[in-house]
Amino acid sequence: EEAIKSFEALVEAKNKEIAALSQTVEVKTAQIGELGVSIVQMKEDLSDTQAALLEDKKYLEELETSCGTKTAEWEERSKTRAEELVALADTIKVLNDDDALDLFKKTLPSSGASLVQMRTTSAAQRRKALGLLRAASEVAQSQDRTKLELVALALGAKRSGGKGSFDKVITMIDKMVEVLKEEQIDDDHKKEFCNGQLDVTDDHRKEIARAVDDEATAIESAKESIATLTQEISDLEAGIKALDKSVAEATELRKAENEEYKALMASDSAAKDLLNFAKNRLNKFYNPALYKPPPKQELSEEEQIFVKHGGTPPPTEAPGGIAGTGVTVLAQISEHRQLSSSASQKDAPAAPPATWGAYSTKTEDNNGVIAMMDLLIKDLDKEMTEAETEEKEGQKDYEALMSDSAAKRAADTKALTEKSSAKAEMEGELQSHEESHAAAVSELMATEKYMQSLHAECDWLLQYFDVRKQARADEVDSLNRAKAVLNGADYSLLQEKQSSSSSSSPGFLERRK
C-alpha cells in the first residue's frame, strides 16, 4: 500500500511537471512565432527603407542639378535686370540734367505753355525707338531677344524720312506684342495644367500607396496563415503516422498475447486432462467406485450389422498422446516430453532386487496424492479462468482502441483534407495579392516618376510665373512705347512744372527737384 501511494504521488508530481513544461513550451513556441514575424517585418521594412533611400538620393541629385541650373539662370536674369536698371537710371540722369534741358529748349522750340513740344524728324524717331528697343532687349528672354534685335536692325536700316517709312517696323512690333501675349496665355494655361495635374497626381499617388500597404499587409497575413496551416498539416501527418504505428504495434502485441493465451490454454488443458487421467487411473486401483471407465467404442452401422451376425468387433485402437493417455499438447511440449522420456530411458535405474517382502497397498498415501492432484487441477482451473478473463479484457480493450483509433484517424484525415484545401486556397490568394502588390508597386513607381517629371516641368514655371509675367509685361510696354515713338508721340521731352509747389510726380524726362 505504501508503494502504491508513493507511486501515485510520483505520478501526480510528474503530471504537474508535464503540465508546467507543456505550458512553457506553448509560451516559447508563441514567442518564437512572434519573433519570426517581427524579423520578417523588419527585413521588409529595411528593404523598403533602402529602396526609399536610393530614390531619395536620386531625387536629391536631380534636384541639385535642377537647382544649379535655375540658380545660374536666375543670377543671369538678376544681372541683366540690374544692368537694365543702371542703364535706365543713367539715361534718366543724362536726360534730366539742367544743361540737357536748356539745350532741348533752345534746339526744340515750344508752341505751348504746358507741354514742351518738338518737331521730330524720322532720324530722331528712329534713334529714340532704337533706344527703347535696346532697353527692352536687355530685359527680354533669350528667345525674344533675337526678335527684338531683328526689329532694331530693320529700324536702323530705314534711312528715308516720313512717318510711313516705319510701317514695316511697327508691323513687326505688333507681331512681337501678339507673340508675347500668346506666350503669356500659354503660361497661364500651363500654370493651370500644372496645378491641376500636381493635385490629381498626388491624390492618385496616395491612393496607390495605401493600396500597396494594404496588399503588403494582406501578403503578410496570408504568409502567416500558410505557415500556420503548413505546421498544422505537418502535425496532422505526423499524428496519423504515429497513430498508424501505434495501431500496428497494438495489433502485433494483441496477436502475441492471443498466441500466448492459446498456448497457455492448450498447455493447461493438456496438464489438466493428464492429471485427471492419472487420478482416474489411481482410482481404478485404489478407489474402484470412483473410477470412470473410458467411453465404449462406437461402431458404425456396418460394424454393428457385422457383429450381430456373429462377427468379431474391430479392435480398439491404442490411445495416442502423452504416454498413451490420449492427451495431446503442442508440438514443442510433446517434443519436450519425448526428450525427457528418452533421457529417462537412457538413465534407467538398476534392476530391482531378487527378493522382496509381502506387498501392501498404500491407500492413505494414494489419497494424499489424489488430493494433491485435485489441488493442481484447481490451480490450473484458476489460471485458465484468469487467462480467459485477461484475454477477454485484452480483446475488449483492443477493439475499443481500434474503434477510437479509426475515429481519430478519420477525423484527422478529414481535418488534413480541409487544411490542405484551405492552404491551397490561401496560396492562391497569396499569389493574387503578390500580383496585385507588384502591379500596385509598378503603378506607384510610374506615378512617382510622372510626379517627378511634373515637378521638373512645372516647379520652375510656378516659382517664376509672376516674375516672367511682369518681365513680359515690361517688354510689351517697351515695345508699345517704341511703337508710339515711331507713330510720332514724344515720351522724352515734357515741360517742367512752372510752379515749384506742385506735388505731381516728375515725368520721364522731367527734372527731378
Protein backbone atom coordinates (compact mmCIF):
# COMPACT_ATOMS: atom_id res chain seq x y z
CA GLU A 1 0.00 0.00 0.00
CA GLU A 2 2.82 2.40 0.80
CA ALA A 3 4.44 1.59 -2.55
CA ILE A 4 1.14 2.29 -4.32
CA LYS A 5 0.75 5.62 -2.51
CA SER A 6 4.32 6.57 -3.35
CA PHE A 7 3.76 5.61 -6.98
CA GLU A 8 0.53 7.66 -7.14
CA ALA A 9 2.24 10.66 -5.58
CA LEU A 10 5.08 10.33 -8.08
CA VAL A 11 2.62 10.09 -10.96
CA GLU A 12 0.77 13.19 -9.73
CA ALA A 13 4.03 15.15 -9.41
CA LYS A 14 5.13 14.08 -12.89
CA ASN A 15 1.76 15.07 -14.32
CA LYS A 16 2.07 18.53 -12.76
CA GLU A 17 5.60 18.79 -14.09
CA ILE A 18 4.42 17.76 -17.57
CA ALA A 19 1.62 20.34 -17.46
CA ALA A 20 4.04 23.10 -16.42
CA LEU A 21 6.56 22.16 -19.08
CA SER A 22 3.82 21.92 -21.71
CA GLN A 23 2.65 25.43 -20.84
CA THR A 24 6.24 26.68 -21.03
CA VAL A 25 6.66 25.04 -24.44
CA GLU A 26 3.48 26.71 -25.68
CA VAL A 27 4.64 30.13 -24.44
CA LYS A 28 8.08 29.69 -26.00
CA THR A 29 6.55 28.49 -29.27
CA ALA A 30 4.29 31.55 -29.38
CA GLN A 31 7.30 33.79 -28.68
CA ILE A 32 9.25 32.08 -31.48
CA GLY A 33 6.37 32.68 -33.90
CA GLU A 34 6.04 36.34 -32.90
CA LEU A 35 9.80 36.88 -33.18
CA GLY A 36 9.79 35.23 -36.60
CA VAL A 37 7.00 37.53 -37.81
CA SER A 38 8.82 40.56 -36.34
CA ILE A 39 12.06 39.58 -38.08
CA VAL A 40 10.28 39.22 -41.43
CA GLN A 41 8.56 42.58 -40.98
CA MET A 42 11.80 44.30 -40.00
CA LYS A 43 13.58 42.80 -43.03
CA GLU A 44 10.83 44.07 -45.31
CA ASP A 45 10.95 47.49 -43.61
CA LEU A 46 14.73 47.52 -44.15
CA SER A 47 14.31 46.68 -47.84
CA ASP A 48 11.63 49.36 -48.25
CA THR A 49 13.76 51.92 -46.41
CA GLN A 50 16.82 51.11 -48.52
CA ALA A 51 14.76 51.42 -51.72
CA ALA A 52 13.28 54.73 -50.50
CA LEU A 53 16.79 55.95 -49.60
CA LEU A 54 18.03 55.20 -53.12
CA GLU A 55 15.04 57.01 -54.63
CA ASP A 56 15.59 60.00 -52.30
CA LYS A 57 19.29 60.18 -53.18
CA LYS A 58 18.43 60.05 -56.87
CA TYR A 59 15.78 62.74 -56.45
CA LEU A 60 18.27 64.84 -54.44
CA GLU A 61 20.84 64.60 -57.22
CA GLU A 62 18.24 65.63 -59.80
CA LEU A 63 17.08 68.44 -57.54
CA GLU A 64 20.64 69.69 -57.02
CA THR A 65 21.24 69.64 -60.79
CA SER A 66 17.95 71.46 -61.45
CA CYS A 67 18.60 73.96 -58.67
CA GLY A 68 22.10 74.64 -60.03
CA THR A 69 20.69 75.31 -63.49
CA LYS A 70 17.88 77.51 -62.19
CA THR A 71 20.27 79.38 -59.90
CA ALA A 72 22.56 80.15 -62.83
CA GLU A 73 19.58 81.34 -64.90
CA TRP A 74 18.29 83.46 -62.03
CA GLU A 75 21.72 85.03 -61.49
CA GLU A 76 21.90 85.86 -65.19
CA ARG A 77 18.40 87.39 -65.13
CA SER A 78 19.20 89.36 -61.97
CA LYS A 79 22.44 90.61 -63.51
CA THR A 80 20.64 91.60 -66.73
CA ARG A 81 17.88 93.38 -64.80
CA ALA A 82 20.41 95.20 -62.66
CA GLU A 83 22.24 96.35 -65.79
CA GLU A 84 18.90 97.44 -67.26
CA LEU A 85 18.07 99.48 -64.16
CA VAL A 86 21.53 101.09 -64.25
CA ALA A 87 21.10 101.91 -67.94
CA LEU A 88 17.66 103.44 -67.30
CA ALA A 89 18.96 105.42 -64.33
CA ASP A 90 21.92 106.70 -66.35
CA THR A 91 19.61 107.59 -69.23
CA ILE A 92 17.19 109.43 -66.96
CA LYS A 93 20.09 111.19 -65.23
CA VAL A 94 21.52 112.37 -68.55
CA LEU A 95 18.17 113.48 -69.93
CA ASN A 96 17.16 115.28 -66.72
CA ASP A 97 20.43 117.23 -66.48
CA ASP A 98 19.96 121.04 -66.42
CA ASP A 99 22.28 121.60 -69.35
CA ALA A 100 20.46 118.94 -71.38
CA LEU A 101 17.08 120.57 -70.64
CA ASP A 102 18.38 124.01 -71.58
CA LEU A 103 19.81 122.55 -74.79
CA PHE A 104 16.50 120.88 -75.62
CA LYS A 105 14.65 124.16 -75.01
CA LYS A 106 16.97 126.02 -77.34
CA THR A 107 17.11 123.47 -80.11
CA LEU A 108 13.47 122.34 -79.91
CA PRO A 109 11.16 125.40 -79.94
CA SER A 110 7.93 125.07 -77.98
CA SER A 111 4.43 126.01 -79.15
CA GLY A 112 2.57 125.78 -75.82
CA ALA A 113 2.99 126.64 -72.18
CA SER A 114 2.07 123.29 -70.57
CA LEU A 115 3.96 120.80 -72.63
CA VAL A 116 7.32 121.13 -74.35
CA GLN A 117 6.67 120.22 -77.96
CA MET A 118 9.23 119.43 -80.58
CA ARG A 119 9.39 118.86 -84.27
CA THR A 120 10.78 115.45 -84.65
CA THR A 121 12.47 114.06 -87.69
CA SER A 122 12.48 110.43 -88.78
CA ALA A 123 16.09 110.08 -87.69
CA ALA A 124 15.24 111.29 -84.19
CA GLN A 125 12.27 108.96 -84.02
CA ARG A 126 14.46 106.11 -85.19
CA ARG A 127 17.08 106.85 -82.53
CA LYS A 128 14.50 107.03 -79.75
CA ALA A 129 12.78 103.86 -80.88
CA LEU A 130 16.15 102.11 -81.10
CA GLY A 131 16.91 103.16 -77.55
CA LEU A 132 13.63 101.75 -76.29
CA LEU A 133 14.14 98.56 -78.28
CA ARG A 134 17.64 98.11 -76.93
CA ALA A 135 16.38 98.67 -73.39
CA ALA A 136 13.65 96.10 -73.98
CA SER A 137 16.19 93.69 -75.49
CA GLU A 138 18.28 93.82 -72.35
CA VAL A 139 15.41 92.58 -70.17
CA ALA A 140 13.87 90.25 -72.73
CA GLN A 141 14.28 86.48 -72.63
CA SER A 142 16.83 84.85 -74.88
CA GLN A 143 14.24 83.55 -77.34
CA ASP A 144 12.66 87.04 -77.67
CA ARG A 145 15.96 88.93 -77.70
CA THR A 146 16.70 87.76 -81.26
CA LYS A 147 13.37 89.09 -82.49
CA LEU A 148 13.97 92.47 -80.84
CA GLU A 149 17.42 92.68 -82.34
CA LEU A 150 15.88 91.86 -85.74
CA VAL A 151 13.35 94.73 -85.30
CA ALA A 152 16.17 97.07 -84.22
CA LEU A 153 18.19 96.02 -87.25
CA ALA A 154 15.23 96.71 -89.53
CA LEU A 155 14.64 100.06 -87.85
CA GLY A 156 18.29 101.04 -88.19
CA ALA A 157 18.22 100.21 -91.86
CA LYS A 158 15.46 102.83 -92.57
CA ARG A 159 17.06 105.99 -93.94
CA SER A 160 14.17 107.67 -95.76
CA GLY A 161 12.11 110.25 -93.91
CA GLY A 162 8.40 110.36 -93.29
CA LYS A 163 6.04 108.61 -91.00
CA GLY A 164 5.13 105.88 -93.42
CA SER A 165 8.69 104.64 -93.59
CA PHE A 166 8.25 102.89 -90.21
CA ASP A 167 5.17 100.84 -91.14
CA LYS A 168 7.11 97.61 -91.56
CA VAL A 169 8.87 98.05 -88.21
CA ILE A 170 5.59 98.90 -86.49
CA THR A 171 4.08 95.75 -88.02
CA MET A 172 6.97 93.70 -86.63
CA ILE A 173 6.47 95.28 -83.18
CA ASP A 174 2.75 94.44 -83.34
CA LYS A 175 3.60 90.84 -84.18
CA MET A 176 6.06 90.65 -81.29
CA VAL A 177 3.43 92.03 -78.92
CA GLU A 178 0.98 89.39 -80.14
CA VAL A 179 3.62 86.70 -79.65
CA LEU A 180 4.30 87.88 -76.11
CA LYS A 181 0.57 87.87 -75.33
CA GLU A 182 0.25 84.34 -76.72
CA GLU A 183 3.23 83.22 -74.64
CA GLN A 184 1.60 84.70 -71.56
CA ILE A 185 -1.65 82.88 -72.38
CA ASP A 186 0.35 79.65 -72.81
CA ASP A 187 2.00 80.22 -69.44
CA ASP A 188 -1.42 80.81 -67.85
CA HIS A 189 -2.73 77.57 -69.33
CA LYS A 190 0.45 75.76 -68.34
CA LYS A 191 0.14 77.04 -64.77
CA GLU A 192 -3.48 75.87 -64.57
CA PHE A 193 -2.49 72.49 -66.03
CA CYS A 194 0.42 72.09 -63.61
CA ASN A 195 -1.63 72.97 -60.53
CA GLY A 196 -4.41 70.58 -61.55
CA GLN A 197 -2.13 67.73 -62.54
CA LEU A 198 0.01 68.03 -59.41
CA ASP A 199 -3.07 67.81 -57.18
CA VAL A 200 -4.65 64.93 -59.10
CA THR A 201 -1.38 63.01 -59.38
CA ASP A 202 -0.58 63.47 -55.69
CA ASP A 203 -4.04 62.17 -54.70
CA HIS A 204 -3.61 59.22 -57.05
CA ARG A 205 -0.14 58.51 -55.62
CA LYS A 206 -1.51 58.49 -52.07
CA GLU A 207 -4.32 56.15 -53.10
CA ILE A 208 -1.88 53.74 -54.76
CA ALA A 209 0.46 53.93 -51.73
CA ARG A 210 -2.45 52.92 -49.50
CA ALA A 211 -3.25 50.06 -51.89
CA VAL A 212 0.39 48.93 -51.75
CA ASP A 213 0.32 48.97 -47.94
CA ASP A 214 -2.97 47.06 -47.91
CA GLU A 215 -1.63 44.43 -50.30
CA ALA A 216 1.58 44.12 -48.26
CA THR A 217 -0.49 43.59 -45.10
CA ALA A 218 -2.64 41.01 -46.90
CA ILE A 219 0.50 39.22 -48.15
CA GLU A 220 1.96 39.11 -44.65
CA SER A 221 -1.32 37.79 -43.23
CA ALA A 222 -1.54 35.16 -45.99
CA LYS A 223 2.04 34.05 -45.35
CA GLU A 224 1.33 33.71 -41.63
CA SER A 225 -1.82 31.71 -42.35
CA ILE A 226 0.06 29.46 -44.80
CA ALA A 227 2.84 28.90 -42.26
CA THR A 228 0.27 28.06 -39.58
CA LEU A 229 -1.60 25.69 -41.91
CA THR A 230 1.67 24.08 -43.01
CA GLN A 231 2.63 23.43 -39.40
CA GLU A 232 -0.83 22.07 -38.62
CA ILE A 233 -0.73 19.83 -41.70
CA SER A 234 2.70 18.57 -40.69
CA ASP A 235 1.46 17.88 -37.16
CA LEU A 236 -1.59 16.04 -38.52
CA GLU A 237 0.52 13.93 -40.88
CA ALA A 238 2.94 13.12 -38.08
CA GLY A 239 -0.01 12.29 -35.82
CA ILE A 240 -1.55 9.98 -38.43
CA LYS A 241 1.78 8.20 -38.92
CA ALA A 242 2.23 7.84 -35.18
CA LEU A 243 -1.34 6.58 -34.87
CA ASP A 244 -0.83 4.01 -37.63
CA LYS A 245 2.40 2.91 -35.98
CA SER A 246 0.75 2.58 -32.58
CA VAL A 247 -2.15 0.64 -34.14
CA ALA A 248 0.29 -1.73 -35.85
CA GLU A 249 2.22 -2.19 -32.61
CA ALA A 250 -1.01 -2.76 -30.67
CA THR A 251 -2.11 -5.33 -33.30
CA GLU A 252 1.18 -7.20 -33.07
CA LEU A 253 1.01 -7.10 -29.28
CA ARG A 254 -2.56 -8.40 -29.36
CA LYS A 255 -1.54 -11.24 -31.67
CA ALA A 256 1.33 -12.12 -29.39
CA GLU A 257 -0.94 -12.04 -26.34
CA ASN A 258 -3.54 -14.17 -28.12
CA GLU A 259 -0.94 -16.72 -29.18
CA GLU A 260 0.40 -16.80 -25.65
CA TYR A 261 -3.13 -17.25 -24.34
CA LYS A 262 -3.81 -20.10 -26.76
CA ALA A 263 -0.55 -21.77 -25.87
CA LEU A 264 -1.30 -21.38 -22.14
CA MET A 265 -4.82 -22.75 -22.51
CA ALA A 266 -3.57 -25.67 -24.57
CA SER A 267 -0.84 -26.48 -22.06
CA ASP A 268 -3.10 -26.08 -19.03
CA SER A 269 -5.86 -28.13 -20.68
CA ALA A 270 -3.40 -30.87 -21.53
CA ALA A 271 -1.97 -30.81 -17.99
CA LYS A 272 -5.46 -30.87 -16.53
CA ASP A 273 -6.51 -33.82 -18.74
CA LEU A 274 -3.31 -35.66 -17.90
CA LEU A 275 -3.87 -35.12 -14.16
CA ASN A 276 -7.46 -36.31 -14.47
CA PHE A 277 -6.27 -39.36 -16.37
CA ALA A 278 -3.68 -40.12 -13.72
CA LYS A 279 -6.22 -39.55 -10.96
CA ASN A 280 -8.72 -41.84 -12.66
CA ARG A 281 -6.05 -44.47 -13.08
CA LEU A 282 -5.25 -44.34 -9.36
CA ASN A 283 -8.93 -44.52 -8.53
CA LYS A 284 -9.24 -47.62 -10.70
CA PHE A 285 -6.80 -49.39 -8.40
CA TYR A 286 -7.36 -47.71 -5.03
CA ASN A 287 -10.96 -46.47 -5.32
CA PRO A 288 -12.76 -48.57 -7.92
CA ALA A 289 -16.05 -46.86 -7.06
CA LEU A 290 -14.67 -43.55 -8.27
CA TYR A 291 -13.19 -45.00 -11.41
CA LYS A 292 -14.62 -43.73 -14.67
CA PRO A 293 -14.15 -46.22 -17.50
CA PRO A 294 -13.35 -44.84 -20.91
CA PRO A 295 -16.28 -44.46 -23.27
CA LYS A 296 -17.15 -47.53 -25.27
CA GLN A 297 -16.12 -47.64 -28.83
CA GLU A 298 -18.98 -46.63 -31.07
CA LEU A 299 -19.42 -48.95 -34.02
CA SER A 300 -20.51 -47.83 -37.36
CA GLU A 301 -23.71 -49.17 -38.89
CA GLU A 302 -21.84 -51.68 -40.99
CA GLU A 303 -19.80 -52.87 -37.99
CA GLN A 304 -22.96 -53.27 -35.88
CA ILE A 305 -24.53 -55.48 -38.60
CA PHE A 306 -21.32 -57.45 -38.80
CA VAL A 307 -21.24 -58.07 -35.01
CA LYS A 308 -24.94 -59.09 -34.90
CA HIS A 309 -24.27 -61.79 -37.40
CA GLY A 310 -21.59 -63.30 -35.19
CA GLY A 311 -18.64 -61.34 -36.37
CA THR A 312 -15.83 -60.13 -34.15
CA PRO A 313 -15.87 -56.37 -33.33
CA PRO A 314 -12.91 -54.46 -34.63
CA PRO A 315 -10.05 -53.99 -32.17
CA THR A 316 -9.94 -50.78 -30.19
CA GLU A 317 -7.17 -48.52 -31.32
CA ALA A 318 -4.49 -47.80 -28.77
CA PRO A 319 -4.74 -44.29 -27.39
CA GLY A 320 -2.01 -41.92 -28.52
CA GLY A 321 -0.83 -38.70 -26.99
CA ILE A 322 1.35 -38.41 -23.92
CA ALA A 323 2.31 -41.84 -22.55
CA GLY A 324 -0.61 -43.50 -24.36
CA THR A 325 -3.17 -41.47 -22.41
CA GLY A 326 -4.76 -39.86 -25.44
CA VAL A 327 -3.84 -36.41 -24.10
CA THR A 328 -2.22 -34.21 -26.77
CA VAL A 329 -0.48 -30.88 -26.42
CA LEU A 330 1.53 -28.54 -28.61
CA ALA A 331 4.40 -29.88 -30.67
CA GLN A 332 7.09 -28.25 -28.56
CA ILE A 333 5.60 -29.69 -25.37
CA SER A 334 5.36 -33.13 -26.94
CA GLU A 335 8.92 -32.82 -28.17
CA HIS A 336 9.99 -31.79 -24.68
CA ARG A 337 8.20 -34.80 -23.25
CA GLN A 338 9.80 -37.10 -25.77
CA LEU A 339 13.22 -35.73 -24.96
CA SER A 340 12.53 -36.22 -21.26
CA SER A 341 11.27 -39.76 -21.94
CA SER A 342 14.36 -40.61 -23.97
CA ALA A 343 16.53 -39.16 -21.24
CA SER A 344 14.75 -41.19 -18.61
CA GLN A 345 15.13 -44.33 -20.76
CA LYS A 346 18.78 -43.55 -21.16
CA ASP A 347 19.27 -43.14 -17.43
CA ALA A 348 17.07 -46.05 -16.33
CA PRO A 349 17.64 -47.32 -12.76
CA ALA A 350 19.26 -50.65 -11.99
CA ALA A 351 17.22 -53.86 -11.81
CA PRO A 352 15.20 -54.44 -8.58
CA PRO A 353 16.48 -56.89 -6.01
CA ALA A 354 15.76 -60.54 -6.47
CA THR A 355 13.56 -60.86 -3.36
CA TRP A 356 11.10 -58.64 -1.54
CA GLY A 357 8.66 -58.80 1.28
CA ALA A 358 4.91 -59.08 1.33
CA TYR A 359 3.23 -56.22 -0.65
CA SER A 360 0.54 -53.99 0.85
CA THR A 361 -1.38 -51.16 -0.92
CA LYS A 362 -0.72 -47.54 0.03
CA THR A 363 -4.29 -46.32 0.28
CA GLU A 364 -3.58 -43.42 2.61
CA ASP A 365 -0.65 -42.23 0.52
CA ASN A 366 -2.84 -42.55 -2.52
CA ASN A 367 -5.44 -40.24 -1.01
CA GLY A 368 -2.77 -37.63 -0.42
CA VAL A 369 -1.57 -37.91 -4.00
CA ILE A 370 -5.09 -37.58 -5.35
CA ALA A 371 -5.70 -34.58 -3.10
CA MET A 372 -2.51 -33.02 -4.43
CA MET A 373 -3.70 -33.69 -7.99
CA ASP A 374 -7.05 -32.04 -7.16
CA LEU A 375 -5.17 -29.03 -5.85
CA LEU A 376 -3.09 -28.86 -9.03
CA ILE A 377 -6.22 -29.16 -11.16
CA LYS A 378 -7.83 -26.39 -9.13
CA ASP A 379 -4.78 -24.18 -9.68
CA LEU A 380 -4.90 -24.94 -13.39
CA ASP A 381 -8.61 -24.07 -13.49
CA LYS A 382 -7.90 -20.81 -11.69
CA GLU A 383 -5.04 -20.00 -14.01
CA MET A 384 -7.16 -20.78 -17.06
CA THR A 385 -10.03 -18.65 -15.73
CA GLU A 386 -7.73 -15.74 -15.11
CA ALA A 387 -6.14 -16.14 -18.52
CA GLU A 388 -9.55 -16.27 -20.17
CA THR A 389 -10.65 -13.16 -18.29
CA GLU A 390 -7.48 -11.35 -19.24
CA GLU A 391 -7.89 -12.44 -22.83
CA LYS A 392 -11.46 -11.09 -22.92
CA GLU A 393 -10.40 -7.81 -21.32
CA GLY A 394 -7.42 -7.52 -23.65
CA GLN A 395 -9.59 -8.19 -26.68
CA LYS A 396 -12.16 -5.68 -25.46
CA ASP A 397 -9.51 -3.05 -24.88
CA TYR A 398 -8.01 -3.79 -28.28
CA GLU A 399 -11.36 -3.42 -30.02
CA ALA A 400 -12.01 -0.15 -28.17
CA LEU A 401 -8.56 1.07 -29.16
CA MET A 402 -9.17 0.12 -32.78
CA SER A 403 -12.53 1.91 -32.76
CA ASP A 404 -11.10 5.04 -31.17
CA SER A 405 -8.09 4.94 -33.50
CA ALA A 406 -10.30 4.57 -36.55
CA ALA A 407 -12.47 7.50 -35.44
CA LYS A 408 -9.43 9.64 -34.69
CA ARG A 409 -7.79 8.75 -37.98
CA ALA A 410 -10.97 9.59 -39.88
CA ALA A 411 -11.21 12.93 -38.05
CA ASP A 412 -7.53 13.68 -38.62
CA THR A 413 -7.78 12.72 -42.29
CA LYS A 414 -10.81 14.97 -42.72
CA ALA A 415 -9.02 17.82 -40.94
CA LEU A 416 -5.93 17.20 -43.09
CA THR A 417 -8.02 17.39 -46.26
CA GLU A 418 -9.73 20.58 -45.10
CA LYS A 419 -6.47 22.22 -44.09
CA SER A 420 -4.78 21.20 -47.34
CA SER A 421 -7.67 22.72 -49.25
CA ALA A 422 -7.50 25.85 -47.11
CA LYS A 423 -3.75 26.05 -47.69
CA ALA A 424 -4.23 25.72 -51.45
CA GLU A 425 -6.84 28.49 -51.39
CA MET A 426 -4.59 30.66 -49.23
CA GLU A 427 -1.66 30.09 -51.61
CA GLY A 428 -3.90 31.16 -54.47
CA GLU A 429 -4.91 34.28 -52.55
CA LEU A 430 -1.24 34.93 -51.73
CA GLN A 431 -0.31 34.71 -55.40
CA SER A 432 -3.18 37.05 -56.27
CA HIS A 433 -2.09 39.52 -53.57
CA GLU A 434 1.53 39.33 -54.73
CA GLU A 435 0.50 40.03 -58.31
CA SER A 436 -1.71 42.91 -57.16
CA HIS A 437 1.11 44.20 -54.96
CA ALA A 438 3.60 44.03 -57.84
CA ALA A 439 1.15 45.82 -60.14
CA ALA A 440 0.47 48.46 -57.49
CA VAL A 441 4.20 48.96 -56.88
CA SER A 442 4.80 49.33 -60.62
CA GLU A 443 1.94 51.80 -60.88
CA LEU A 444 3.24 53.69 -57.83
CA MET A 445 6.72 53.90 -59.35
CA ALA A 446 5.25 55.12 -62.64
CA THR A 447 3.14 57.67 -60.78
CA GLU A 448 6.13 58.92 -58.78
CA LYS A 449 8.17 59.12 -61.99
CA TYR A 450 5.36 61.11 -63.60
CA MET A 451 5.21 63.30 -60.48
CA GLN A 452 8.95 63.96 -60.75
CA SER A 453 8.58 64.85 -64.42
CA LEU A 454 5.73 67.21 -63.49
CA HIS A 455 7.88 68.85 -60.84
CA ALA A 456 10.78 69.13 -63.27
CA GLU A 457 8.47 70.71 -65.82
CA CYS A 458 6.29 72.85 -63.57
CA ASP A 459 8.27 73.85 -60.47
CA TRP A 460 10.36 76.45 -62.29
CA LEU A 461 7.32 77.86 -64.07
CA LEU A 462 5.25 78.07 -60.88
CA GLN A 463 8.13 79.60 -58.95
CA TYR A 464 8.94 82.31 -61.51
CA PHE A 465 5.47 82.72 -63.04
CA ASP A 466 4.89 86.17 -61.57
CA VAL A 467 8.42 87.29 -62.46
CA ARG A 468 8.03 86.07 -66.03
CA LYS A 469 4.63 87.71 -66.30
CA GLN A 470 5.96 91.04 -65.06
CA ALA A 471 9.02 90.85 -67.33
CA ARG A 472 6.81 90.07 -70.30
CA ALA A 473 4.51 92.99 -69.40
CA ASP A 474 7.51 95.29 -69.18
CA GLU A 475 8.70 94.07 -72.55
CA VAL A 476 5.26 94.69 -74.09
CA ASP A 477 5.21 98.14 -72.53
CA SER A 478 8.63 98.93 -74.01
CA LEU A 479 7.50 97.74 -77.41
CA ASN A 480 4.35 99.84 -77.18
CA ARG A 481 6.46 102.87 -76.23
CA ALA A 482 8.75 102.24 -79.18
CA LYS A 483 5.71 101.91 -81.43
CA ALA A 484 4.27 105.15 -80.08
CA VAL A 485 7.56 106.92 -80.70
CA LEU A 486 7.56 105.71 -84.27
CA ASN A 487 3.96 106.90 -84.61
CA GLY A 488 5.03 110.42 -83.57
CA ALA A 489 4.41 110.52 -79.82
CA ASP A 490 7.04 112.19 -77.59
CA TYR A 491 7.92 110.42 -74.37
CA SER A 492 11.17 112.20 -73.89
CA LEU A 493 10.53 115.93 -73.55
CA LEU A 494 7.91 117.03 -71.05
CA GLN A 495 7.61 120.65 -69.93
CA GLU A 496 8.84 121.43 -66.46
CA LYS A 497 6.25 122.48 -63.95
CA GLN A 498 6.22 126.25 -63.62
CA SER A 499 5.24 126.11 -60.01
CA SER A 500 7.80 124.66 -57.63
CA SER A 501 4.99 123.91 -55.19
CA SER A 502 3.40 121.36 -57.50
CA SER A 503 3.15 117.88 -55.88
CA SER A 504 2.86 115.87 -59.09
CA SER A 505 5.49 113.26 -59.84
CA PRO A 506 8.19 114.16 -62.42
CA GLY A 507 7.83 113.00 -65.99
CA PHE A 508 10.11 110.62 -67.80
CA LEU A 509 12.43 113.46 -68.88
CA GLU A 510 11.32 115.97 -66.32
CA ARG A 511 13.93 117.41 -63.98
CA ARG A 512 13.73 115.89 -60.54
CA LYS A 513 13.52 118.58 -57.88
